[in-house]
Amino acid sequence: MNESVAIDSKDEMECLAKECFHCALPLPEDKKNNPPYEIEIVGVMRAMCCPGCAMAATLITSGGFDQYYQLRTSNQLQAANTKLADKQSYAEFDSAVLQKEFVVTQGPIKTAKLAVSGMSCAACAWLLESYLQTLHGVQRVTVNLSERRLTIDWQDSLLQLSSIMAAISQLGYQPRPYLPAIEYLAIKAENQIFLQRLGVAGLLMMQTGMLAVAMYLGAYQGMSAELQMYLRWASLLLSLPIIFYCARPFFIMAYQGLRSLHPGMDLPVAIAITVAFIASVVATVAGEGEVYFDSMAMFTFFLLLGRYLDMRTRQSMGLSSLNMNDLIPSVANRLEADGSLSLIPVSKLKLGDRVLVKSNEIIPCDAVVLVGQSEINEASFTGESSPRSVTVNDKVSAGTVNINNPLTVSVVATGIHSHFYQLLALIDQSVEEKSPTESLADKLASYFVVTVLMLAVITAVFWWYVDVGLLLPSTIAVLIVSCPCALSLATPVAMTVAGHRLRRKG
């Protein structure tokens, strides 16, 4: 695999030559052959449309986050490809160079942290864990639903990372390496899309609600049949964006669950919305019978609102974890052979490099003191508030603060191999380990949806013989009350919030 972010395809190169590499907006026609702003990104000159994009790209690359463009480009190409589940789509992640950023190797076992888009409830976590455990070579799988993150241990000799990511994609989820700098941008994008759906659903809910009130009152006050039909057709038109845009995530997840033979909580929701919509359309076209456009719109809005509040809770917990990574500086002062100082990204430090840590600076890596004597505040690492004196040959850890005098240190470990990140890994592992309550909820969730569907069928059959007029609303009610539910939402959120509060309190 090419280690740079260069795009190999000729068509892709032509496309990038017409766009700003950072924001993807078209370059002015008179600037395509001679872009006014160009930034070197991993050895390749990239065109920028304005000084703002040029500055943003410079900050990203100088901060050591070159992988942002590589992963972004990879995700864009995958999104444009209809065969996302193909192993070849993720072949680049088998590169040892790229895996250094997010994979830990211990003998024959590798451990990777992957961000997984598309997870919405405990049933999704259960599906991922259960399915991936069946892959030959997988040792352990744990899912952190609050941070949409998956940790997996596997034998590299038996299974490649690209196969694991392809298996996740086959279930309908989108895997990518879990990198704090990328996840912050992903959280913002996910939040914006969800707010758009929620806003459209809320606006249309109010409109269909007003039309429904007019129809209900008109039924008692002698509204003409023509006006009744007009209001019904207007409600139908207003409901179309709710079905095809606002409720789209429920249908996608329901379909993916059925395709993998592991139905989730979204299946009864999708069935309820579909049945209510079809019944209302039939009643509108026939000119008789009840319509449920307002109920469908209200249900979609409030369910989206509940999912949004749940997502925001999880995102706030996830951001608190990402903020812990800010304790490590992004750049370091490296001493060159001629004695000069170079400000370089921490990710580019190598073993044995000499680094100057000035007074009141955070130590960027695990290291051994070569020159100097000072005191180190290790509260962020050990919780101990009293500083520790260090001198030549003493070891210092990334994330601790040099209080007094400048120190020259020799790099021992950086990034995910440092003690600081190993400590974060232990904290994450404790969060990922399920309590008995969560394990019970996951076990019950696998049977819950099937039970709900069976109850809905029984309800429909009962009212078919008792009162056909109540068959549809009763059956829809059974499907609706199944989600949101304490089983799939309240238990994971409560355990997540409790765990992160304990983390903040040390």
Protein backbone atom coordinates (compact mmCIF):
# COMPACT_ATOMS: atom_id res chain seq x y z
CA MET A 1 0.00 0.00 0.00
CA ASN A 2 1.17 3.53 -0.68
CA GLU A 3 2.05 5.06 2.71
CA SER A 4 1.21 8.58 1.62
CA VAL A 5 -2.20 10.04 1.12
CA ALA A 6 -1.61 10.14 -2.59
CA ILE A 7 -4.50 8.88 -4.70
CA ASP A 8 -3.45 6.25 -7.20
CA SER A 9 -6.33 6.32 -9.65
CA LYS A 10 -6.03 8.63 -12.67
CA ASP A 11 -9.71 9.61 -12.40
CA GLU A 12 -9.27 10.50 -8.74
CA MET A 13 -6.21 12.64 -9.52
CA GLU A 14 -8.17 14.51 -12.18
CA CYS A 15 -11.01 15.04 -9.72
CA LEU A 16 -8.68 16.35 -7.02
CA ALA A 17 -7.04 18.73 -9.50
CA LYS A 18 -10.42 20.42 -9.93
CA GLU A 19 -11.19 20.62 -6.20
CA CYS A 20 -9.70 22.01 -3.05
CA PHE A 21 -8.02 19.04 -1.35
CA HIS A 22 -9.18 20.24 2.10
CA CYS A 23 -12.82 21.35 1.66
CA ALA A 24 -13.55 19.67 -1.74
CA LEU A 25 -15.08 22.86 -3.19
CA PRO A 26 -14.37 23.48 -6.89
CA LEU A 27 -11.31 25.58 -7.71
CA PRO A 28 -11.90 28.73 -9.80
CA GLU A 29 -11.66 27.96 -13.52
CA ASP A 30 -8.68 30.26 -14.00
CA LYS A 31 -6.81 28.67 -11.07
CA LYS A 32 -7.13 24.96 -11.90
CA ASN A 33 -3.89 24.81 -13.86
CA ASN A 34 -2.03 27.08 -11.46
CA PRO A 35 -3.61 26.94 -7.97
CA PRO A 36 -2.82 30.03 -5.86
CA TYR A 37 -2.30 27.97 -2.67
CA GLU A 38 -0.54 24.60 -2.49
CA ILE A 39 0.38 22.62 0.61
CA GLU A 40 2.70 19.63 0.76
CA ILE A 41 0.92 16.69 2.41
CA VAL A 42 3.14 13.64 2.90
CA GLY A 43 5.35 14.55 -0.02
CA VAL A 44 2.58 15.47 -2.46
CA MET A 45 1.59 19.05 -3.33
CA ARG A 46 -2.15 19.59 -2.91
CA ALA A 47 -4.22 22.46 -4.28
CA MET A 48 -6.17 24.67 -1.86
CA CYS A 49 -8.90 27.14 -2.77
CA CYS A 50 -8.19 29.86 -0.19
CA PRO A 51 -5.83 30.91 2.63
CA GLY A 52 -8.24 29.49 5.22
CA CYS A 53 -8.07 25.95 3.80
CA ALA A 54 -4.31 26.27 3.37
CA MET A 55 -3.93 27.26 7.03
CA ALA A 56 -6.23 24.45 8.22
CA ALA A 57 -4.31 21.88 6.18
CA THR A 58 -1.03 23.21 7.55
CA LEU A 59 -2.24 22.89 11.14
CA ILE A 60 -3.50 19.34 10.56
CA THR A 61 -0.28 18.13 8.97
CA SER A 62 2.05 19.97 11.36
CA GLY A 63 0.13 18.48 14.29
CA GLY A 64 0.93 14.98 13.08
CA PHE A 65 -2.59 14.19 11.88
CA ASP A 66 -1.72 13.39 8.25
CA GLN A 67 -3.83 10.24 8.57
CA TYR A 68 -6.94 12.47 8.65
CA TYR A 69 -6.74 13.00 4.88
CA GLN A 70 -5.87 9.37 4.21
CA LEU A 71 -8.81 8.04 6.21
CA ARG A 72 -11.16 10.72 4.86
CA THR A 73 -10.23 9.84 1.29
CA SER A 74 -10.62 6.14 2.06
CA ASN A 75 -14.10 6.72 3.50
CA GLN A 76 -15.11 8.83 0.50
CA LEU A 77 -13.99 6.16 -1.95
CA GLN A 78 -15.80 3.45 0.03
CA ALA A 79 -18.98 5.51 0.14
CA ALA A 80 -18.87 5.84 -3.64
CA ASN A 81 -18.40 2.09 -4.02
CA THR A 82 -21.55 -0.03 -3.88
CA LYS A 83 -19.60 -3.11 -2.75
CA LEU A 84 -18.54 -1.86 0.68
CA ALA A 85 -18.25 -5.32 2.20
CA ASP A 86 -15.44 -6.37 -0.12
CA LYS A 87 -12.20 -7.23 1.69
CA GLN A 88 -10.22 -5.35 -0.96
CA SER A 89 -11.94 -2.11 0.08
CA TYR A 90 -10.09 -2.26 3.41
CA ALA A 91 -6.80 -3.76 2.15
CA GLU A 92 -4.86 -0.60 2.98
CA PHE A 93 -5.47 -1.15 6.69
CA ASP A 94 -3.34 -4.32 6.57
CA SER A 95 -0.28 -2.10 6.21
CA ALA A 96 2.06 -2.33 9.21
CA VAL A 97 2.87 1.36 8.81
CA LEU A 98 -0.75 2.46 9.09
CA GLN A 99 -1.49 0.01 11.91
CA LYS A 100 1.14 1.65 14.10
CA GLU A 101 -1.40 4.41 14.72
CA PHE A 102 -4.14 2.25 16.25
CA VAL A 103 -3.01 -1.40 16.60
CA VAL A 104 -1.03 -2.92 19.49
CA THR A 105 0.92 -6.13 18.83
CA GLN A 106 1.71 -8.58 21.62
CA GLY A 107 3.33 -11.67 20.16
CA PRO A 108 0.96 -13.38 17.72
CA ILE A 109 -2.02 -11.38 19.02
CA LYS A 110 -2.99 -7.97 17.70
CA THR A 111 -5.43 -5.56 19.34
CA ALA A 112 -7.19 -2.84 17.36
CA LYS A 113 -9.64 -0.14 18.31
CA LEU A 114 -12.18 0.62 15.60
CA ALA A 115 -14.80 3.34 15.47
CA VAL A 116 -18.09 1.88 14.18
CA SER A 117 -20.74 4.16 12.71
CA GLY A 118 -24.37 3.07 12.68
CA MET A 119 -24.69 1.54 16.16
CA SER A 120 -27.87 2.74 17.88
CA CYS A 121 -28.69 0.39 20.77
CA ALA A 122 -27.57 -2.61 22.82
CA ALA A 123 -28.85 -4.96 20.12
CA CYS A 124 -26.27 -3.52 17.69
CA ALA A 125 -23.48 -4.10 20.20
CA TRP A 126 -24.68 -7.65 20.83
CA LEU A 127 -24.84 -8.37 17.09
CA LEU A 128 -21.30 -7.13 16.47
CA GLU A 129 -19.85 -9.04 19.40
CA SER A 130 -21.70 -12.27 18.59
CA TYR A 131 -20.94 -12.22 14.87
CA LEU A 132 -17.25 -11.28 15.07
CA GLN A 133 -16.63 -13.96 17.69
CA THR A 134 -17.51 -16.55 15.04
CA LEU A 135 -14.61 -15.48 12.78
CA HIS A 136 -11.69 -17.90 12.82
CA GLY A 137 -8.77 -16.23 14.55
CA VAL A 138 -10.73 -13.74 16.70
CA GLN A 139 -9.83 -14.02 20.39
CA ARG A 140 -12.00 -11.36 22.05
CA VAL A 141 -14.47 -8.64 21.02
CA THR A 142 -15.83 -5.87 23.24
CA VAL A 143 -18.07 -3.00 22.14
CA ASN A 144 -18.23 0.38 23.86
CA LEU A 145 -21.64 1.60 22.75
CA SER A 146 -21.28 5.05 24.34
CA GLU A 147 -18.27 5.86 22.15
CA ARG A 148 -19.35 3.78 19.11
CA ARG A 149 -16.07 1.92 19.51
CA LEU A 150 -15.06 -1.71 19.12
CA THR A 151 -11.95 -3.39 20.55
CA ILE A 152 -10.92 -6.68 18.99
CA ASP A 153 -8.07 -9.15 19.63
CA TRP A 154 -7.12 -11.53 16.83
CA GLN A 155 -4.32 -13.73 15.51
CA ASP A 156 -2.77 -11.98 12.55
CA SER A 157 -1.53 -15.28 11.11
CA LEU A 158 -5.09 -16.56 10.82
CA LEU A 159 -7.04 -13.39 10.01
CA GLN A 160 -6.28 -9.99 8.51
CA LEU A 161 -7.68 -6.69 9.72
CA SER A 162 -9.21 -6.03 6.30
CA SER A 163 -11.31 -9.20 6.67
CA ILE A 164 -12.55 -8.04 10.07
CA MET A 165 -13.52 -4.62 8.74
CA ALA A 166 -15.24 -6.21 5.74
CA ALA A 167 -17.23 -8.45 8.11
CA ILE A 168 -18.37 -5.39 10.07
CA SER A 169 -19.37 -3.70 6.82
CA GLN A 170 -21.41 -6.77 5.80
CA LEU A 171 -23.53 -6.25 8.91
CA GLY A 172 -24.36 -2.73 7.71
CA TYR A 173 -21.96 -0.73 9.90
CA GLN A 174 -19.05 1.47 8.81
CA PRO A 175 -15.71 0.67 10.50
CA ARG A 176 -12.67 2.93 10.63
CA PRO A 177 -9.59 3.23 12.85
CA TYR A 178 -10.34 4.87 16.19
CA LEU A 179 -8.20 8.01 16.25
CA PRO A 180 -9.12 10.85 18.64
CA ALA A 181 -8.43 13.60 16.09
CA ILE A 182 -10.77 11.94 13.59
CA GLU A 183 -13.48 10.99 16.07
CA TYR A 184 -14.03 14.59 17.16
CA LEU A 185 -14.82 15.55 13.55
CA ALA A 186 -17.02 12.46 13.13
CA ILE A 187 -19.03 13.30 16.26
CA LYS A 188 -19.68 16.83 14.97
CA ALA A 189 -20.79 15.54 11.55
CA GLU A 190 -23.08 12.89 13.08
CA ASN A 191 -24.64 15.48 15.38
CA GLN A 192 -25.33 17.87 12.50
CA ILE A 193 -27.05 15.22 10.36
CA PHE A 194 -29.18 14.04 13.28
CA LEU A 195 -30.24 17.60 14.09
CA GLN A 196 -31.35 18.11 10.48
CA ARG A 197 -33.57 15.03 10.58
CA LEU A 198 -34.95 16.02 13.97
CA GLY A 199 -35.70 19.58 12.80
CA VAL A 200 -37.53 18.44 9.66
CA ALA A 201 -39.52 15.88 11.68
CA GLY A 202 -40.49 18.50 14.27
CA LEU A 203 -41.62 21.02 11.65
CA LEU A 204 -43.71 18.47 9.73
CA MET A 205 -45.15 17.04 12.96
CA MET A 206 -46.57 20.47 13.80
CA GLN A 207 -48.01 20.91 10.31
CA THR A 208 -49.67 17.48 10.17
CA GLY A 209 -50.88 18.00 13.74
CA MET A 210 -52.67 21.23 12.81
CA LEU A 211 -54.32 19.53 9.83
CA ALA A 212 -55.35 16.61 12.05
CA VAL A 213 -56.98 18.97 14.57
CA ALA A 214 -58.90 20.61 11.74
CA MET A 215 -60.11 17.20 10.52
CA TYR A 216 -61.12 16.04 14.00
CA LEU A 217 -63.08 19.24 14.72
CA GLY A 218 -64.56 19.25 11.25
CA ALA A 219 -65.94 15.75 11.77
CA TYR A 220 -68.10 17.13 14.61
CA GLN A 221 -69.00 20.46 12.99
CA GLY A 222 -70.04 19.30 9.55
CA MET A 223 -66.94 19.92 7.39
CA SER A 224 -67.60 19.24 3.72
CA ALA A 225 -66.28 16.00 2.20
CA GLU A 226 -64.23 17.95 -0.34
CA LEU A 227 -62.39 19.88 2.38
CA GLN A 228 -61.86 16.68 4.35
CA MET A 229 -60.22 15.08 1.30
CA TYR A 230 -58.09 18.18 0.72
CA LEU A 231 -56.75 18.01 4.30
CA ARG A 232 -56.06 14.29 3.96
CA TRP A 233 -54.09 14.72 0.75
CA ALA A 234 -52.17 17.65 2.26
CA SER A 235 -51.28 15.46 5.26
CA LEU A 236 -50.15 12.72 2.89
CA LEU A 237 -47.80 15.07 1.03
CA LEU A 238 -46.37 16.41 4.30
CA SER A 239 -45.74 12.84 5.50
CA LEU A 240 -43.60 11.87 2.51
CA PRO A 241 -40.40 13.61 3.81
CA ILE A 242 -40.96 11.95 7.19
CA ILE A 243 -41.08 8.49 5.59
CA PHE A 244 -38.27 8.92 3.07
CA TYR A 245 -35.91 11.17 5.06
CA CYS A 246 -36.61 11.46 8.79
CA ALA A 247 -37.45 7.80 9.41
CA ARG A 248 -34.85 6.50 6.97
CA PRO A 249 -32.35 5.37 9.68
CA PHE A 250 -35.02 3.10 11.22
CA PHE A 251 -35.70 1.40 7.89
CA ILE A 252 -32.00 0.96 7.10
CA MET A 253 -31.20 -0.61 10.46
CA ALA A 254 -34.31 -2.82 10.30
CA TYR A 255 -33.31 -4.09 6.86
CA GLN A 256 -29.73 -4.73 7.95
CA GLY A 257 -30.95 -6.66 10.96
CA LEU A 258 -33.20 -8.84 8.84
CA ARG A 259 -30.45 -9.41 6.28
CA SER A 260 -28.09 -10.67 8.98
CA LEU A 261 -30.91 -12.69 10.64
CA HIS A 262 -30.47 -10.69 13.84
CA PRO A 263 -33.42 -8.28 14.02
CA GLY A 264 -32.93 -5.27 16.25
CA MET A 265 -35.09 -2.74 18.05
CA ASP A 266 -35.61 -0.76 14.84
CA LEU A 267 -37.61 -3.55 13.19
CA PRO A 268 -40.87 -3.08 15.17
CA VAL A 269 -40.48 0.68 14.80
CA ALA A 270 -40.09 0.41 11.02
CA ILE A 271 -43.07 -1.97 10.79
CA ALA A 272 -45.26 0.35 12.88
CA ILE A 273 -44.40 3.41 10.77
CA THR A 274 -44.87 1.50 7.52
CA VAL A 275 -48.23 -0.03 8.52
CA ALA A 276 -49.56 3.33 9.75
CA PHE A 277 -48.44 5.08 6.55
CA ILE A 278 -49.81 2.44 4.15
CA ALA A 279 -53.13 2.25 6.00
CA SER A 280 -53.43 6.03 5.89
CA VAL A 281 -52.61 6.16 2.17
CA VAL A 282 -55.24 3.49 1.44
CA ALA A 283 -57.84 5.40 3.49
CA THR A 284 -56.96 8.65 1.69
CA VAL A 285 -57.22 7.14 -1.79
CA ALA A 286 -60.44 5.28 -0.92
CA GLY A 287 -61.94 8.35 0.75
CA GLU A 288 -63.01 6.50 3.87
CA GLY A 289 -61.46 5.15 7.06
CA GLU A 290 -59.10 6.65 9.62
CA VAL A 291 -55.75 8.25 8.75
CA TYR A 292 -52.73 8.25 11.07
CA PHE A 293 -50.40 10.76 9.41
CA ASP A 294 -50.24 12.93 12.53
CA SER A 295 -49.59 9.97 14.84
CA MET A 296 -46.88 8.66 12.52
CA ALA A 297 -45.19 12.07 12.38
CA MET A 298 -45.40 12.52 16.15
CA PHE A 299 -44.02 9.03 16.80
CA THR A 300 -41.11 9.58 14.42
CA PHE A 301 -40.27 12.95 15.96
CA PHE A 302 -40.35 11.79 19.58
CA LEU A 303 -38.41 8.64 18.79
CA LEU A 304 -35.78 10.71 16.97
CA LEU A 305 -35.74 13.11 19.94
CA GLY A 306 -35.16 10.22 22.34
CA ARG A 307 -32.39 8.84 20.13
CA TYR A 308 -30.84 12.29 19.86
CA LEU A 309 -30.78 12.82 23.64
CA ASP A 310 -29.33 9.35 24.07
CA MET A 311 -26.72 10.07 21.39
CA ARG A 312 -25.78 13.39 23.00
CA THR A 313 -25.29 11.66 26.34
CA ARG A 314 -23.03 9.09 24.74
CA GLN A 315 -21.17 11.75 22.76
CA SER A 316 -20.50 13.83 25.87
CA MET A 317 -19.05 10.74 27.52
CA GLY A 318 -17.01 10.00 24.41
CA LEU A 319 -15.68 13.56 24.23
CA SER A 320 -14.54 13.32 27.84
CA SER A 321 -12.41 10.35 26.80
CA LEU A 322 -11.08 12.20 23.76
CA ASN A 323 -10.17 15.16 25.98
CA MET A 324 -7.91 12.91 28.05
CA ASN A 325 -5.78 12.51 24.94
CA ASP A 326 -5.21 16.28 24.99
CA LEU A 327 -2.92 15.72 27.99
CA ILE A 328 -0.28 14.65 25.46
CA PRO A 329 1.18 17.55 23.43
CA SER A 330 1.04 17.30 19.66
CA VAL A 331 4.54 18.67 19.06
CA ALA A 332 7.96 18.29 20.70
CA ASN A 333 11.36 20.07 20.62
CA ARG A 334 13.81 17.56 19.14
CA LEU A 335 17.55 18.16 19.57
CA GLU A 336 19.35 17.57 16.29
CA ALA A 337 22.90 16.26 15.95
CA ASP A 338 24.27 19.80 15.48
CA GLY A 339 22.58 20.98 18.68
CA SER A 340 19.76 22.89 17.01
CA LEU A 341 16.10 22.53 17.97
CA SER A 342 13.37 21.29 15.62
CA LEU A 343 9.67 21.53 16.42
CA ILE A 344 8.18 18.30 15.06
CA PRO A 345 4.94 16.31 15.58
CA VAL A 346 5.15 13.85 18.47
CA SER A 347 3.98 11.10 16.12
CA LYS A 348 7.26 11.47 14.19
CA LEU A 349 9.53 10.95 17.19
CA LYS A 350 11.69 7.83 17.02
CA LEU A 351 13.32 5.71 19.70
CA GLY A 352 16.55 7.32 20.89
CA ASP A 353 15.65 10.84 19.74
CA ARG A 354 16.70 13.55 22.17
CA VAL A 355 13.91 15.90 23.27
CA LEU A 356 14.15 19.13 25.21
CA VAL A 357 11.36 19.56 27.78
CA LYS A 358 11.24 23.10 29.11
CA SER A 359 9.96 24.22 32.50
CA ASN A 360 6.16 23.83 32.93
CA GLU A 361 5.90 21.78 29.73
CA ILE A 362 4.16 18.43 29.39
CA ILE A 363 6.49 15.53 28.66
CA PRO A 364 5.41 14.21 25.22
CA CYS A 365 6.70 10.62 25.49
CA ASP A 366 8.10 7.98 27.79
CA ALA A 367 11.77 8.79 28.17
CA VAL A 368 14.97 8.59 30.21
CA VAL A 369 16.59 11.78 31.54
CA LEU A 370 19.94 12.48 29.86
CA VAL A 371 20.70 15.98 31.14
CA GLY A 372 19.21 18.02 33.97
CA GLN A 373 17.50 17.73 37.33
CA SER A 374 13.94 18.76 38.09
CA GLU A 375 10.62 17.82 39.68
CA ILE A 376 7.79 16.09 37.82
CA ASN A 377 4.10 16.48 38.57
CA GLU A 378 2.59 13.04 37.90
CA ALA A 379 -0.94 13.80 39.11
CA SER A 380 -2.44 13.15 35.65
CA PHE A 381 -0.76 9.75 35.59
CA THR A 382 -0.77 8.41 39.15
CA GLY A 383 -3.12 10.79 40.96
CA GLU A 384 -0.33 11.76 43.35
CA SER A 385 -0.26 15.54 43.85
CA SER A 386 3.24 15.71 45.36
CA PRO A 387 5.94 16.15 42.70
CA ARG A 388 8.71 13.59 42.20
CA SER A 389 12.36 14.59 41.89
CA VAL A 390 14.16 13.23 38.83
CA THR A 391 17.78 13.34 37.69
CA VAL A 392 19.99 11.69 35.08
CA ASN A 393 18.98 8.09 34.18
CA ASP A 394 15.54 8.44 35.83
CA LYS A 395 12.49 7.47 33.80
CA VAL A 396 9.70 9.95 33.06
CA SER A 397 6.28 9.27 31.53
CA ALA A 398 4.24 10.95 28.80
CA GLY A 399 1.49 13.21 30.11
CA THR A 400 3.40 14.33 33.22
CA VAL A 401 4.56 17.93 33.76
CA ASN A 402 8.13 19.16 34.17
CA ILE A 403 7.85 21.75 36.97
CA ASN A 404 11.25 23.37 37.55
CA ASN A 405 14.25 23.08 35.25
CA PRO A 406 14.68 22.13 31.59
CA LEU A 407 15.38 18.46 30.90
CA THR A 408 16.95 16.69 27.97
CA VAL A 409 15.42 13.24 27.62
CA SER A 410 15.86 10.24 25.34
CA VAL A 411 12.71 8.76 23.78
CA VAL A 412 11.79 5.27 25.01
CA ALA A 413 8.18 4.94 23.81
CA THR A 414 5.60 7.12 22.05
CA GLY A 415 1.92 7.04 21.15
CA ILE A 416 -0.04 3.91 21.98
CA HIS A 417 3.12 2.23 23.33
CA SER A 418 3.59 4.77 26.12
CA HIS A 419 2.54 4.11 29.73
CA PHE A 420 -0.04 6.90 29.53
CA TYR A 421 -1.91 5.28 26.68
CA GLN A 422 -1.62 1.89 28.34
CA LEU A 423 -3.28 3.43 31.39
CA LEU A 424 -6.08 4.79 29.18
CA ALA A 425 -6.39 1.33 27.64
CA LEU A 426 -6.89 -0.19 31.11
CA ILE A 427 -9.55 2.42 31.89
CA ASP A 428 -11.29 1.71 28.59
CA GLN A 429 -11.10 -2.01 29.26
CA SER A 430 -12.80 -1.55 32.62
CA VAL A 431 -15.55 0.49 30.92
CA GLU A 432 -15.98 -2.11 28.19
CA GLU A 433 -16.32 -5.01 30.62
CA LYS A 434 -20.04 -5.52 31.08
CA SER A 435 -21.68 -5.67 34.46
CA PRO A 436 -24.13 -8.53 35.24
CA THR A 437 -26.99 -6.11 34.59
CA GLU A 438 -25.69 -5.23 31.11
CA SER A 439 -24.99 -8.87 30.28
CA LEU A 440 -28.55 -9.78 31.25
CA ALA A 441 -29.93 -6.90 29.15
CA ASP A 442 -27.88 -8.02 26.12
CA LYS A 443 -29.08 -11.60 26.54
CA LEU A 444 -32.73 -10.58 26.79
CA ALA A 445 -32.43 -8.13 23.87
CA SER A 446 -31.77 -10.99 21.45
CA TYR A 447 -35.22 -12.45 22.26
CA PHE A 448 -37.07 -9.22 22.85
CA VAL A 449 -37.81 -8.23 19.25
CA VAL A 450 -39.11 -11.68 18.29
CA THR A 451 -41.39 -11.65 21.34
CA VAL A 452 -42.75 -8.21 20.41
CA LEU A 453 -43.51 -9.31 16.85
CA MET A 454 -45.30 -12.43 18.12
CA LEU A 455 -47.38 -10.31 20.52
CA ALA A 456 -48.28 -7.96 17.65
CA VAL A 457 -49.50 -10.90 15.55
CA ILE A 458 -51.52 -12.28 18.47
CA THR A 459 -53.05 -8.83 19.04
CA ALA A 460 -54.00 -8.53 15.38
CA VAL A 461 -55.64 -11.97 15.34
CA PHE A 462 -57.55 -11.23 18.56
CA TRP A 463 -59.04 -7.95 17.33
CA TRP A 464 -59.81 -9.50 13.93
CA TYR A 465 -62.43 -11.63 15.66
CA VAL A 466 -63.48 -9.13 18.36
CA ASP A 467 -63.55 -5.73 16.64
CA VAL A 468 -61.89 -5.20 13.25
CA GLY A 469 -62.02 -1.45 13.72
CA LEU A 470 -59.53 -1.70 16.60
CA LEU A 471 -57.18 -4.15 14.85
CA LEU A 472 -54.89 -1.57 13.24
CA PRO A 473 -54.46 0.90 16.14
CA SER A 474 -54.02 -1.90 18.68
CA THR A 475 -51.39 -3.71 16.62
CA ILE A 476 -49.48 -0.48 15.94
CA ALA A 477 -49.60 0.36 19.65
CA VAL A 478 -47.94 -2.95 20.55
CA LEU A 479 -45.13 -2.27 18.06
CA ILE A 480 -44.67 1.33 19.16
CA VAL A 481 -44.36 0.70 22.90
CA SER A 482 -41.47 -1.70 22.30
CA CYS A 483 -39.01 1.11 21.56
CA PRO A 484 -37.59 3.16 23.11
CA CYS A 485 -37.39 0.77 26.04
CA ALA A 486 -35.44 0.39 29.25
CA LEU A 487 -33.84 -2.78 27.94
CA SER A 488 -31.94 -1.24 25.04
CA LEU A 489 -31.53 2.39 26.07
CA ALA A 490 -31.76 3.05 29.81
CA THR A 491 -29.47 0.28 31.05
CA PRO A 492 -26.47 1.01 28.75
CA VAL A 493 -26.78 4.78 29.25
CA ALA A 494 -26.99 4.48 33.04
CA MET A 495 -23.93 2.23 33.19
CA THR A 496 -22.01 4.49 30.78
CA VAL A 497 -22.71 7.69 32.72
CA ALA A 498 -21.82 6.00 36.01
CA GLY A 499 -18.53 4.68 34.62
CA HIS A 500 -17.42 8.03 33.21
CA ARG A 501 -18.34 9.88 36.40
CA LEU A 502 -16.16 7.46 38.33
CA ARG A 503 -13.37 8.08 35.81
CA ARG A 504 -13.59 11.86 36.31
CA LYS A 505 -13.43 11.39 40.08
CA GLY A 506 -10.25 9.35 39.75
